[in-house]
Protein backbone atom coordinates (compact mmCIF):
# COMPACT_ATOMS: atom_id res chain seq x y z
CA UNK A 1 -27.13 -5.69 6.87
CA UNK A 2 -25.96 -2.69 8.25
CA UNK A 3 -21.76 -2.14 8.55
CA UNK A 4 -19.83 -4.90 10.51
CA UNK A 5 -17.03 -4.48 12.86
CA UNK A 6 -14.37 -7.31 12.94
CA UNK A 7 -12.19 -7.66 15.27
CA UNK A 8 -8.27 -9.34 15.02
CA UNK A 9 -6.69 -10.59 18.76
CA UNK A 10 -3.30 -11.32 17.91
CA UNK A 11 -0.22 -11.96 20.51
CA UNK A 12 2.35 -8.75 19.02
CA UNK A 13 4.54 -11.23 18.04
CA UNK A 14 2.27 -13.49 15.71
CA UNK A 15 0.53 -12.11 12.56
CA UNK A 16 0.80 -13.46 9.31
CA UNK A 17 3.84 -12.51 7.99
CA UNK A 18 5.31 -14.65 10.83
CA UNK A 19 3.18 -17.49 10.15
CA UNK A 20 4.20 -17.38 6.75
CA UNK A 21 7.64 -17.26 7.85
CA UNK A 22 7.02 -20.59 9.42
CA UNK A 23 4.63 -23.10 7.11
CA UNK A 24 7.29 -22.41 4.89
CA UNK A 25 9.90 -23.92 7.11
CA UNK A 26 8.88 -26.60 8.24
CA UNK A 27 7.48 -27.25 4.65
CA UNK A 28 11.10 -27.16 4.01
CA UNK A 29 10.01 -24.54 1.47
CA UNK A 30 11.88 -20.72 0.86
CA UNK A 31 9.58 -18.07 2.56
CA UNK A 32 10.25 -15.58 -0.55
CA UNK A 33 9.16 -18.80 -2.17
CA UNK A 34 5.47 -18.62 -2.37
CA UNK A 35 2.88 -15.89 -3.72
CA UNK A 36 0.46 -14.51 -1.15
CA UNK A 37 -3.21 -12.48 -1.14
CA UNK A 38 -4.32 -9.92 0.55
CA UNK A 39 -7.58 -7.67 1.04
CA UNK A 40 -6.89 -6.19 4.55
CA UNK A 41 -4.65 -4.40 7.37
CA UNK A 42 -4.05 -7.55 9.15
CA UNK A 43 -2.40 -9.09 5.83
CA UNK A 44 -0.07 -6.26 5.45
CA UNK A 45 3.38 -8.19 7.28
CA UNK A 46 2.48 -10.82 5.21
CA UNK A 47 2.04 -9.41 1.92
CA UNK A 48 5.86 -7.53 2.70
CA UNK A 49 7.48 -10.38 3.54
CA UNK A 50 6.41 -12.17 0.18
CA UNK A 51 8.94 -11.10 -2.49
CA UNK A 52 5.14 -11.73 -4.31
CA UNK A 53 2.92 -10.30 -2.29
CA UNK A 54 -0.47 -8.85 -3.89
CA UNK A 55 -3.11 -7.15 -2.52
CA UNK A 56 -6.43 -7.38 -4.33
CA UNK A 57 -8.91 -5.15 -6.23
CA UNK A 58 -10.78 -4.12 -3.43
CA UNK A 59 -8.13 -3.87 -1.05
CA UNK A 60 -7.44 -1.67 1.28
CA UNK A 61 -5.82 1.56 0.15
CA UNK A 62 -2.17 0.73 3.33
CA UNK A 63 -2.45 -2.79 1.59
CA UNK A 64 -1.93 -1.52 -1.62
CA UNK A 65 1.31 1.04 -0.86
CA UNK A 66 3.03 -1.98 0.00
CA UNK A 67 2.28 -4.86 -2.68
CA UNK A 68 4.32 -5.98 -5.30
CA UNK A 69 1.78 -5.68 -7.45
CA UNK A 70 -2.70 -5.14 -8.09
CA UNK A 71 -4.64 -8.12 -8.79
CA UNK A 72 -8.25 -6.92 -10.03
CA UNK A 73 -10.97 -6.81 -7.59
CA UNK A 74 -11.36 -10.61 -5.07
CA UNK A 75 -15.91 -10.02 -6.59
CA UNK A 76 -14.05 -10.53 -10.19
CA UNK A 77 -12.12 -13.85 -9.41
CA UNK A 78 -9.10 -11.03 -9.09
CA UNK A 79 -6.32 -14.03 -7.48
CA UNK A 80 -8.15 -17.19 -10.00
CA UNK A 81 -7.31 -14.23 -12.26
CA UNK A 82 -3.94 -13.25 -11.03
CA UNK A 83 -3.61 -17.39 -10.84
CA UNK A 84 -4.19 -17.91 -14.36
CA UNK A 85 -2.21 -14.88 -16.81
CA UNK A 86 1.16 -15.13 -14.01
CA UNK A 87 2.03 -18.64 -13.13
């Protein structure tokens, strides 16, 4: 398979961060009590907003810059390991 191209098309007023905020309010939990995991540029706002925003080891550099912690890569079950070791 050759390289792939991914395009996210969203209204400028919404992103995963705003989605987490509205979901938290709907569920009656505080947004800062939500742990997020991401790997790509579309996860940046969500990771910044989260009090525990985690980038996986194979994440893009920009996400790793804003993440509070870095987990192992997706290929090594980074999310599962992180949850098991920290919660």
